Structure formats: C-alpha cells, structure tokens
Amino acid sequence: MAQQLEFFDIPSPCRGICQADDRGFCRGCLRSREERFGWMQMSDAQKRDVLRLCHQRLLRLQRASKQPDEPLPEQPSLF
C-alpha cells in the first residue's frame, strides 16, 4: 500500500462532551482515558489507529441501539 504524505496535524476528535460511559469511553469522541490523555504524545500513525478504533466503536454503538425493524402492517386485500 502506498503511503500518503501528511501535511497537516491530525486534529483531536474531541467534541467537548467529556464524560465517561460505563465502559470508560468518552461519550463525545469514544476514546478511552489513555487515548485521551496520551493524544499529544502519539505519533500520526497512532492517532490514525485511535481514530479507526473510535469509528469502530461508533458503528458498534449504532448497531446496538438500532431497534429491530417492525414489520409493516399489511393492508387487507380488496379482492
């Protein structure tokens, strides 16, 4: 895989909602405590890895919160 040059710093995913959930992940950015506190010391590769993990956590939360689709009521036949 070809490497892409990084010209800009990778910004923090912080959304300003700094509260931990029951699993220890931030409710705003979905980073762990270690990921939040160590962000400034991480390399760009480590930051990209954390962002990938946050995206996976978001998808997992969305799947878990999605209610099963209820079947649509069928219209009685007119014939």
PDB file of N, CA and C in Angstrom:
ATOM      1  N   MET A   1       0.846  -1.175   0.000  1.00  0.00           N
ATOM      2  CA  MET A   1       0.000   0.000   0.000  1.00  0.00           C
ATOM      3  C   MET A   1       0.889   1.234   0.000  1.00  0.00           C
ATOM      4  N   ALA A   2       0.603   2.168  -0.876  1.00  0.00           N
ATOM      5  CA  ALA A   2       1.390   3.397  -0.953  1.00  0.00           C
ATOM      6  C   ALA A   2       1.077   4.292   0.235  1.00  0.00           C
ATOM      7  N   GLN A   3       2.115   4.933   0.744  1.00  0.00           N
ATOM      8  CA  GLN A   3       1.919   5.830   1.874  1.00  0.00           C
ATOM      9  C   GLN A   3       1.565   7.216   1.371  1.00  0.00           C
ATOM     10  N   GLN A   4       0.668   7.849   2.083  1.00  0.00           N
ATOM     11  CA  GLN A   4       0.274   9.208   1.743  1.00  0.00           C
ATOM     12  C   GLN A   4       0.991  10.157   2.686  1.00  0.00           C
ATOM     13  N   LEU A   5       1.546  11.216   2.139  1.00  0.00           N
ATOM     14  CA  LEU A   5       2.232  12.199   2.967  1.00  0.00           C
ATOM     15  C   LEU A   5       1.225  12.985   3.779  1.00  0.00           C
ATOM     16  N   GLU A   6       1.576  13.245   5.035  1.00  0.00           N
ATOM     17  CA  GLU A   6       0.727  14.043   5.914  1.00  0.00           C
ATOM     18  C   GLU A   6       1.299  15.448   5.982  1.00  0.00           C
ATOM     19  N   PHE A   7       0.535  16.426   5.544  1.00  0.00           N
ATOM     20  CA  PHE A   7       0.991  17.806   5.581  1.00  0.00           C
ATOM     21  C   PHE A   7       0.457  18.559   6.792  1.00  0.00           C
ATOM     22  N   PHE A   8      -0.623  18.067   7.368  1.00  0.00           N
ATOM     23  CA  PHE A   8      -1.255  18.753   8.480  1.00  0.00           C
ATOM     24  C   PHE A   8      -1.336  17.820   9.680  1.00  0.00           C
ATOM     25  N   ASP A   9      -1.334  18.420  10.861  1.00  0.00           N
ATOM     26  CA  ASP A   9      -1.510  17.622  12.069  1.00  0.00           C
ATOM     27  C   ASP A   9      -2.893  16.983  12.060  1.00  0.00           C
ATOM     28  N   ILE A  10      -2.978  15.830  12.672  1.00  0.00           N
ATOM     29  CA  ILE A  10      -4.267  15.158  12.802  1.00  0.00           C
ATOM     30  C   ILE A  10      -4.978  15.784  13.998  1.00  0.00           C
ATOM     31  N   PRO A  11      -6.134  16.415  13.778  1.00  0.00           N
ATOM     32  CA  PRO A  11      -6.808  17.097  14.886  1.00  0.00           C
ATOM     33  C   PRO A  11      -7.418  16.106  15.874  1.00  0.00           C
ATOM     34  N   SER A  12      -7.539  16.549  17.090  1.00  0.00           N
ATOM     35  CA  SER A  12      -8.172  15.741  18.124  1.00  0.00           C
ATOM     36  C   SER A  12      -9.648  15.545  17.782  1.00  0.00           C
ATOM     37  N   PRO A  13     -10.179  14.351  18.014  1.00  0.00           N
ATOM     38  CA  PRO A  13     -11.599  14.120  17.740  1.00  0.00           C
ATOM     39  C   PRO A  13     -12.517  14.628  18.858  1.00  0.00           C
ATOM     40  N   CYS A  14     -11.957  15.317  19.842  1.00  0.00           N
ATOM     41  CA  CYS A  14     -12.736  15.797  20.983  1.00  0.00           C
ATOM     42  C   CYS A  14     -13.898  16.660  20.508  1.00  0.00           C
ATOM     43  N   ARG A  15     -15.075  16.424  21.088  1.00  0.00           N
ATOM     44  CA  ARG A  15     -16.275  17.190  20.752  1.00  0.00           C
ATOM     45  C   ARG A  15     -16.727  18.067  21.915  1.00  0.00           C
ATOM     46  N   GLY A  16     -15.940  18.073  22.986  1.00  0.00           N
ATOM     47  CA  GLY A  16     -16.289  18.893  24.137  1.00  0.00           C
ATOM     48  C   GLY A  16     -17.338  18.269  25.037  1.00  0.00           C
ATOM     49  N   ILE A  17     -17.621  16.993  24.855  1.00  0.00           N
ATOM     50  CA  ILE A  17     -18.558  16.262  25.721  1.00  0.00           C
ATOM     51  C   ILE A  17     -17.714  15.270  26.509  1.00  0.00           C
ATOM     52  N   CYS A  18     -17.044  15.750  27.511  1.00  0.00           N
ATOM     53  CA  CYS A  18     -16.044  14.941  28.212  1.00  0.00           C
ATOM     54  C   CYS A  18     -16.655  14.241  29.417  1.00  0.00           C
ATOM     55  N   GLN A  19     -17.385  13.172  29.140  1.00  0.00           N
ATOM     56  CA  GLN A  19     -17.984  12.340  30.175  1.00  0.00           C
ATOM     57  C   GLN A  19     -17.736  10.893  29.792  1.00  0.00           C
ATOM     58  N   ALA A  20     -17.349  10.096  30.769  1.00  0.00           N
ATOM     59  CA  ALA A  20     -17.076   8.686  30.502  1.00  0.00           C
ATOM     60  C   ALA A  20     -18.354   7.868  30.652  1.00  0.00           C
ATOM     61  N   ASP A  21     -18.512   6.891  29.765  1.00  0.00           N
ATOM     62  CA  ASP A  21     -19.646   5.985  29.894  1.00  0.00           C
ATOM     63  C   ASP A  21     -19.287   4.868  30.860  1.00  0.00           C
ATOM     64  N   ASP A  22     -20.165   3.886  31.000  1.00  0.00           N
ATOM     65  CA  ASP A  22     -19.931   2.806  31.963  1.00  0.00           C
ATOM     66  C   ASP A  22     -18.766   1.898  31.573  1.00  0.00           C
ATOM     67  N   ARG A  23     -18.307   1.977  30.334  1.00  0.00           N
ATOM     68  CA  ARG A  23     -17.159   1.171  29.904  1.00  0.00           C
ATOM     69  C   ARG A  23     -15.858   1.960  29.912  1.00  0.00           C
ATOM     70  N   GLY A  24     -15.936   3.262  30.257  1.00  0.00           N
ATOM     71  CA  GLY A  24     -14.737   4.080  30.344  1.00  0.00           C
ATOM     72  C   GLY A  24     -14.410   4.870  29.096  1.00  0.00           C
ATOM     73  N   PHE A  25     -15.275   4.804  28.083  1.00  0.00           N
ATOM     74  CA  PHE A  25     -15.047   5.560  26.860  1.00  0.00           C
ATOM     75  C   PHE A  25     -15.758   6.907  26.951  1.00  0.00           C
ATOM     76  N   CYS A  26     -15.144   7.920  26.369  1.00  0.00           N
ATOM     77  CA  CYS A  26     -15.736   9.255  26.354  1.00  0.00           C
ATOM     78  C   CYS A  26     -17.034   9.212  25.543  1.00  0.00           C
ATOM     79  N   ARG A  27     -18.087   9.825  26.061  1.00  0.00           N
ATOM     80  CA  ARG A  27     -19.375   9.841  25.356  1.00  0.00           C
ATOM     81  C   ARG A  27     -19.321  10.701  24.092  1.00  0.00           C
ATOM     82  N   GLY A  28     -18.408  11.651  24.036  1.00  0.00           N
ATOM     83  CA  GLY A  28     -18.321  12.537  22.877  1.00  0.00           C
ATOM     84  C   GLY A  28     -17.489  11.976  21.742  1.00  0.00           C
ATOM     85  N   CYS A  29     -16.251  11.570  22.050  1.00  0.00           N
ATOM     86  CA  CYS A  29     -15.333  11.142  20.982  1.00  0.00           C
ATOM     87  C   CYS A  29     -15.069   9.639  20.971  1.00  0.00           C
ATOM     88  N   LEU A  30     -15.529   8.934  21.995  1.00  0.00           N
ATOM     89  CA  LEU A  30     -15.403   7.476  22.103  1.00  0.00           C
ATOM     90  C   LEU A  30     -13.967   6.996  22.305  1.00  0.00           C
ATOM     91  N   ARG A  31     -13.106   7.885  22.806  1.00  0.00           N
ATOM     92  CA  ARG A  31     -11.745   7.457  23.131  1.00  0.00           C
ATOM     93  C   ARG A  31     -11.692   6.964  24.571  1.00  0.00           C
ATOM     94  N   SER A  32     -10.740   6.077  24.834  1.00  0.00           N
ATOM     95  CA  SER A  32     -10.504   5.624  26.203  1.00  0.00           C
ATOM     96  C   SER A  32      -9.746   6.714  26.959  1.00  0.00           C
ATOM     97  N   ARG A  33      -9.658   6.552  28.251  1.00  0.00           N
ATOM     98  CA  ARG A  33      -8.930   7.520  29.075  1.00  0.00           C
ATOM     99  C   ARG A  33      -7.479   7.642  28.605  1.00  0.00           C
ATOM    100  N   GLU A  34      -6.831   6.502  28.363  1.00  0.00           N
ATOM    101  CA  GLU A  34      -5.435   6.506  27.920  1.00  0.00           C
ATOM    102  C   GLU A  34      -5.289   7.193  26.566  1.00  0.00           C
ATOM    103  N   GLU A  35      -6.251   6.952  25.687  1.00  0.00           N
ATOM    104  CA  GLU A  35      -6.201   7.581  24.364  1.00  0.00           C
ATOM    105  C   GLU A  35      -6.383   9.094  24.465  1.00  0.00           C
ATOM    106  N   ARG A  36      -7.252   9.533  25.362  1.00  0.00           N
ATOM    107  CA  ARG A  36      -7.464  10.984  25.532  1.00  0.00           C
ATOM    108  C   ARG A  36      -6.241  11.652  26.135  1.00  0.00           C
ATOM    109  N   PHE A  37      -5.714  11.076  27.207  1.00  0.00           N
ATOM    110  CA  PHE A  37      -4.600  11.713  27.911  1.00  0.00           C
ATOM    111  C   PHE A  37      -3.290  11.631  27.131  1.00  0.00           C
ATOM    112  N   GLY A  38      -3.132  10.619  26.280  1.00  0.00           N
ATOM    113  CA  GLY A  38      -1.887  10.455  25.542  1.00  0.00           C
ATOM    114  C   GLY A  38      -1.900  11.024  24.135  1.00  0.00           C
ATOM    115  N   TRP A  39      -2.983  11.677  23.741  1.00  0.00           N
ATOM    116  CA  TRP A  39      -3.138  12.147  22.360  1.00  0.00           C
ATOM    117  C   TRP A  39      -1.973  13.010  21.893  1.00  0.00           C
ATOM    118  N   MET A  40      -1.545  13.952  22.694  1.00  0.00           N
ATOM    119  CA  MET A  40      -0.498  14.894  22.276  1.00  0.00           C
ATOM    120  C   MET A  40       0.867  14.222  22.108  1.00  0.00           C
ATOM    121  N   GLN A  41       1.084  13.088  22.761  1.00  0.00           N
ATOM    122  CA  GLN A  41       2.362  12.389  22.656  1.00  0.00           C
ATOM    123  C   GLN A  41       2.349  11.306  21.575  1.00  0.00           C
ATOM    124  N   MET A  42       1.209  11.057  20.969  1.00  0.00           N
ATOM    125  CA  MET A  42       1.098   9.991  19.969  1.00  0.00           C
ATOM    126  C   MET A  42       1.667  10.431  18.625  1.00  0.00           C
ATOM    127  N   SER A  43       2.179   9.451  17.896  1.00  0.00           N
ATOM    128  CA  SER A  43       2.609   9.707  16.514  1.00  0.00           C
ATOM    129  C   SER A  43       1.356   9.794  15.631  1.00  0.00           C
ATOM    130  N   ASP A  44       1.522  10.278  14.413  1.00  0.00           N
ATOM    131  CA  ASP A  44       0.381  10.357  13.499  1.00  0.00           C
ATOM    132  C   ASP A  44      -0.203   8.974  13.221  1.00  0.00           C
ATOM    133  N   ALA A  45       0.643   7.973  13.120  1.00  0.00           N
ATOM    134  CA  ALA A  45       0.157   6.610  12.886  1.00  0.00           C
ATOM    135  C   ALA A  45      -0.692   6.131  14.059  1.00  0.00           C
ATOM    136  N   GLN A  46      -0.257   6.433  15.272  1.00  0.00           N
ATOM    137  CA  GLN A  46      -1.030   6.051  16.453  1.00  0.00           C
ATOM    138  C   GLN A  46      -2.362   6.797  16.493  1.00  0.00           C
ATOM    139  N   LYS A  47      -2.342   8.069  16.125  1.00  0.00           N
ATOM    140  CA  LYS A  47      -3.577   8.858  16.108  1.00  0.00           C
ATOM    141  C   LYS A  47      -4.563   8.291  15.087  1.00  0.00           C
ATOM    142  N   ARG A  48      -4.069   7.921  13.912  1.00  0.00           N
ATOM    143  CA  ARG A  48      -4.946   7.324  12.905  1.00  0.00           C
ATOM    144  C   ARG A  48      -5.538   6.017  13.413  1.00  0.00           C
ATOM    145  N   ASP A  49      -4.744   5.245  14.137  1.00  0.00           N
ATOM    146  CA  ASP A  49      -5.239   3.994  14.706  1.00  0.00           C
ATOM    147  C   ASP A  49      -6.345   4.266  15.729  1.00  0.00           C
ATOM    148  N   VAL A  50      -6.152   5.278  16.569  1.00  0.00           N
ATOM    149  CA  VAL A  50      -7.172   5.643  17.558  1.00  0.00           C
ATOM    150  C   VAL A  50      -8.447   6.098  16.847  1.00  0.00           C
ATOM    151  N   LEU A  51      -8.315   6.896  15.790  1.00  0.00           N
ATOM    152  CA  LEU A  51      -9.490   7.343  15.044  1.00  0.00           C
ATOM    153  C   LEU A  51     -10.232   6.162  14.420  1.00  0.00           C
ATOM    154  N   ARG A  52      -9.483   5.182  13.930  1.00  0.00           N
ATOM    155  CA  ARG A  52     -10.105   3.976  13.369  1.00  0.00           C
ATOM    156  C   ARG A  52     -10.876   3.229  14.452  1.00  0.00           C
ATOM    157  N   LEU A  53     -10.269   3.100  15.644  1.00  0.00           N
ATOM    158  CA  LEU A  53     -10.941   2.429  16.756  1.00  0.00           C
ATOM    159  C   LEU A  53     -12.203   3.177  17.177  1.00  0.00           C
ATOM    160  N   CYS A  54     -12.129   4.496  17.205  1.00  0.00           N
ATOM    161  CA  CYS A  54     -13.301   5.307  17.568  1.00  0.00           C
ATOM    162  C   CYS A  54     -14.431   5.092  16.568  1.00  0.00           C
ATOM    163  N   HIS A  55     -14.084   5.008  15.293  1.00  0.00           N
ATOM    164  CA  HIS A  55     -15.101   4.775  14.267  1.00  0.00           C
ATOM    165  C   HIS A  55     -15.742   3.398  14.461  1.00  0.00           C
ATOM    166  N   GLN A  56     -14.941   2.391  14.779  1.00  0.00           N
ATOM    167  CA  GLN A  56     -15.483   1.058  15.038  1.00  0.00           C
ATOM    168  C   GLN A  56     -16.403   1.073  16.251  1.00  0.00           C
ATOM    169  N   ARG A  57     -16.020   1.804  17.285  1.00  0.00           N
ATOM    170  CA  ARG A  57     -16.861   1.904  18.484  1.00  0.00           C
ATOM    171  C   ARG A  57     -18.184   2.582  18.161  1.00  0.00           C
ATOM    172  N   LEU A  58     -18.135   3.623  17.332  1.00  0.00           N
ATOM    173  CA  LEU A  58     -19.355   4.318  16.934  1.00  0.00           C
ATOM    174  C   LEU A  58     -20.291   3.382  16.174  1.00  0.00           C
ATOM    175  N   LEU A  59     -19.752   2.631  15.225  1.00  0.00           N
ATOM    176  CA  LEU A  59     -20.576   1.692  14.465  1.00  0.00           C
ATOM    177  C   LEU A  59     -21.184   0.638  15.377  1.00  0.00           C
ATOM    178  N   ARG A  60     -20.409   0.153  16.331  1.00  0.00           N
ATOM    179  CA  ARG A  60     -20.900  -0.848  17.281  1.00  0.00           C
ATOM    180  C   ARG A  60     -22.050  -0.278  18.114  1.00  0.00           C
ATOM    181  N   LEU A  61     -21.898   0.964  18.573  1.00  0.00           N
ATOM    182  CA  LEU A  61     -22.963   1.606  19.351  1.00  0.00           C
ATOM    183  C   LEU A  61     -24.220   1.801  18.509  1.00  0.00           C
ATOM    184  N   GLN A  62     -24.044   2.201  17.274  1.00  0.00           N
ATOM    185  CA  GLN A  62     -25.199   2.407  16.398  1.00  0.00           C
ATOM    186  C   GLN A  62     -25.934   1.103  16.136  1.00  0.00           C
ATOM    187  N   ARG A  63     -25.191   0.021  15.930  1.00  0.00           N
ATOM    188  CA  ARG A  63     -25.836  -1.278  15.711  1.00  0.00           C
ATOM    189  C   ARG A  63     -26.567  -1.740  16.959  1.00  0.00           C
ATOM    190  N   ALA A  64     -25.968  -1.510  18.125  1.00  0.00           N
ATOM    191  CA  ALA A  64     -26.580  -1.957  19.377  1.00  0.00           C
ATOM    192  C   ALA A  64     -27.839  -1.163  19.705  1.00  0.00           C
ATOM    193  N   SER A  65     -27.872   0.105  19.330  1.00  0.00           N
ATOM    194  CA  SER A  65     -29.025   0.933  19.680  1.00  0.00           C
ATOM    195  C   SER A  65     -30.154   0.833  18.662  1.00  0.00           C
ATOM    196  N   LYS A  66     -29.872   0.284  17.509  1.00  0.00           N
ATOM    197  CA  LYS A  66     -30.908   0.176  16.482  1.00  0.00           C
ATOM    198  C   LYS A  66     -31.909  -0.898  16.883  1.00  0.00           C
ATOM    199  N   GLN A  67     -33.156  -0.503  16.910  1.00  0.00           N
ATOM    200  CA  GLN A  67     -34.223  -1.437  17.248  1.00  0.00           C
ATOM    201  C   GLN A  67     -34.526  -2.303  16.029  1.00  0.00           C
ATOM    202  N   PRO A  68     -34.898  -3.537  16.278  1.00  0.00           N
ATOM    203  CA  PRO A  68     -35.256  -4.375  15.131  1.00  0.00           C
ATOM    204  C   PRO A  68     -36.437  -3.752  14.382  1.00  0.00           C
ATOM    205  N   ASP A  69     -36.372  -3.842  13.084  1.00  0.00           N
ATOM    206  CA  ASP A  69     -37.449  -3.277  12.269  1.00  0.00           C
ATOM    207  C   ASP A  69     -38.738  -4.048  12.505  1.00  0.00           C
ATOM    208  N   GLU A  70     -39.792  -3.298  12.801  1.00  0.00           N
ATOM    209  CA  GLU A  70     -41.092  -3.931  12.978  1.00  0.00           C
ATOM    210  C   GLU A  70     -41.708  -4.138  11.599  1.00  0.00           C
ATOM    211  N   PRO A  71     -42.365  -5.263  11.410  1.00  0.00           N
ATOM    212  CA  PRO A  71     -42.989  -5.477  10.100  1.00  0.00           C
ATOM    213  C   PRO A  71     -44.100  -4.451   9.887  1.00  0.00           C
ATOM    214  N   LEU A  72     -44.219  -4.007   8.652  1.00  0.00           N
ATOM    215  CA  LEU A  72     -45.267  -3.057   8.323  1.00  0.00           C
ATOM    216  C   LEU A  72     -46.609  -3.771   8.329  1.00  0.00           C
ATOM    217  N   PRO A  73     -47.639  -3.106   8.846  1.00  0.00           N
ATOM    218  CA  PRO A  73     -48.960  -3.756   8.820  1.00  0.00           C
ATOM    219  C   PRO A  73     -49.410  -3.940   7.376  1.00  0.00           C
ATOM    220  N   GLU A  74     -49.975  -5.083   7.119  1.00  0.00           N
ATOM    221  CA  GLU A  74     -50.427  -5.366   5.760  1.00  0.00           C
ATOM    222  C   GLU A  74     -51.848  -4.867   5.585  1.00  0.00           C
ATOM    223  N   GLN A  75     -52.077  -4.286   4.439  1.00  0.00           N
ATOM    224  CA  GLN A  75     -53.425  -3.823   4.130  1.00  0.00           C
ATOM    225  C   GLN A  75     -54.245  -5.029   3.700  1.00  0.00           C
ATOM    226  N   PRO A  76     -55.455  -5.144   4.239  1.00  0.00           N
ATOM    227  CA  PRO A  76     -56.294  -6.274   3.800  1.00  0.00           C
ATOM    228  C   PRO A  76     -56.575  -6.186   2.305  1.00  0.00           C
ATOM    229  N   SER A  77     -56.638  -7.320   1.700  1.00  0.00           N
ATOM    230  CA  SER A  77     -56.887  -7.369   0.263  1.00  0.00           C
ATOM    231  C   SER A  77     -58.306  -6.897  -0.047  1.00  0.00           C
ATOM    232  N   LEU A  78     -58.427  -6.158  -1.102  1.00  0.00           N
ATOM    233  CA  LEU A  78     -59.743  -5.696  -1.529  1.00  0.00           C
ATOM    234  C   LEU A  78     -60.402  -6.681  -2.480  1.00  0.00           C
ATOM    235  N   PHE A  79     -59.691  -7.711  -2.852  1.00  0.00           N
ATOM    236  CA  PHE A  79     -60.224  -8.668  -3.813  1.00  0.00           C
ATOM    237  C   PHE A  79     -60.302 -10.031  -3.218  1.00  0.00           C
TER     238      PHE A  79
END
